[in-house]
Protein backbone atom coordinates (compact mmCIF):
# COMPACT_ATOMS: atom_id res chain seq x y z
CA UNK A 1 1.67 -40.32 17.43
CA UNK A 2 -1.89 -39.30 18.37
CA UNK A 3 -1.54 -40.90 21.76
CA UNK A 4 1.60 -38.67 22.36
CA UNK A 5 -0.16 -35.52 21.03
CA UNK A 6 -3.09 -36.15 23.42
CA UNK A 7 -0.60 -36.64 26.38
CA UNK A 8 1.39 -33.50 25.33
CA UNK A 9 -1.96 -31.40 25.16
CA UNK A 10 -3.02 -32.79 28.51
CA UNK A 11 0.20 -32.20 30.35
CA UNK A 12 1.56 -28.93 28.70
CA UNK A 13 -1.62 -27.17 27.79
CA UNK A 14 -3.73 -28.50 30.53
CA UNK A 15 -6.54 -29.35 28.33
CA UNK A 16 -9.16 -31.90 29.27
CA UNK A 17 -9.00 -35.42 27.83
CA UNK A 18 -12.18 -34.76 25.72
CA UNK A 19 -10.71 -31.48 24.14
CA UNK A 20 -7.29 -33.13 23.66
CA UNK A 21 -8.74 -36.22 22.01
CA UNK A 22 -10.96 -34.26 19.82
CA UNK A 23 -7.91 -32.00 18.51
CA UNK A 24 -5.66 -35.11 17.95
CA UNK A 25 -8.38 -37.13 16.26
CA UNK A 26 -8.07 -39.95 18.75
CA UNK A 27 -11.21 -41.52 20.48
CA UNK A 28 -11.44 -41.34 24.13
CA UNK A 29 -11.95 -45.19 24.10
CA UNK A 30 -8.49 -45.48 22.53
CA UNK A 31 -6.95 -43.10 25.09
CA UNK A 32 -8.43 -44.91 28.12
CA UNK A 33 -7.55 -48.32 26.73
CA UNK A 34 -3.97 -47.63 27.24
CA UNK A 35 -0.86 -47.89 25.15
CA UNK A 36 -1.09 -50.96 22.77
CA UNK A 37 2.75 -51.76 23.27
CA UNK A 38 2.61 -51.76 27.02
CA UNK A 39 -0.68 -53.99 26.71
CA UNK A 40 1.38 -56.50 24.57
CA UNK A 41 4.42 -56.43 27.01
CA UNK A 42 2.09 -57.24 29.84
CA UNK A 43 0.26 -59.99 27.88
CA UNK A 44 3.56 -61.48 26.60
CA UNK A 45 5.35 -61.33 29.91
CA UNK A 46 4.83 -64.91 31.08
CA UNK A 47 5.91 -66.37 27.67
CA UNK A 48 9.11 -64.08 27.55
CA UNK A 49 9.93 -65.03 31.23
CA UNK A 50 9.63 -68.73 30.42
CA UNK A 51 11.80 -68.56 27.29
CA UNK A 52 14.62 -66.47 29.12
CA UNK A 53 14.65 -68.69 32.13
CA UNK A 54 15.78 -71.49 29.85
CA UNK A 55 19.23 -69.91 29.18
CA UNK A 56 20.52 -68.55 26.09
CA UNK A 57 19.30 -69.78 22.77
CA UNK A 58 22.21 -70.40 20.30
CA UNK A 59 21.68 -70.16 16.70
CA UNK A 60 21.64 -73.21 14.51
CA UNK A 61 24.65 -73.91 12.30
CA UNK A 62 24.55 -72.78 8.88
CA UNK A 63 23.38 -75.49 6.62
CA UNK A 64 24.35 -75.16 3.02
CA UNK A 65 22.08 -77.16 0.68
CA UNK A 66 23.04 -78.58 -2.76
CA UNK A 67 20.93 -75.92 -4.31
CA UNK A 68 22.48 -73.04 -2.55
CA UNK A 69 24.22 -70.54 -4.74
CA UNK A 70 27.29 -70.95 -2.71
CA UNK A 71 27.68 -74.43 -3.89
CA UNK A 72 27.59 -73.59 -7.63
CA UNK A 73 31.08 -73.68 -9.37
CA UNK A 74 31.01 -70.13 -10.58
CA UNK A 75 29.63 -68.56 -7.36
CA UNK A 76 31.66 -70.27 -4.79
CA UNK A 77 33.41 -68.45 -1.93
CA UNK A 78 37.09 -69.25 -1.62
CA UNK A 79 36.67 -69.36 2.24
CA UNK A 80 34.08 -72.31 1.77
CA UNK A 81 35.02 -75.80 0.73
CA UNK A 82 33.93 -76.63 -2.88
CA UNK A 83 31.29 -79.13 -2.50
CA UNK A 84 30.27 -79.52 -6.07
């Protein structure tokens, strides 16, 4: 939110970075460091590319353990087979 406020003050009110950062309470170091979300995107891009190039990842089938509430006699769902 502070980063947005500094950008707003710089672009709309034509304030300097120093004055806009002072008003918004954002350090100039944080302003010049860049947007943390964009930095994370750039850092994670090779990993995301490698994962998406392998094709779609399908979810594992639902495994119902014997301790699941769905397997208890009083809490079974009529659509599921009774395994108790």
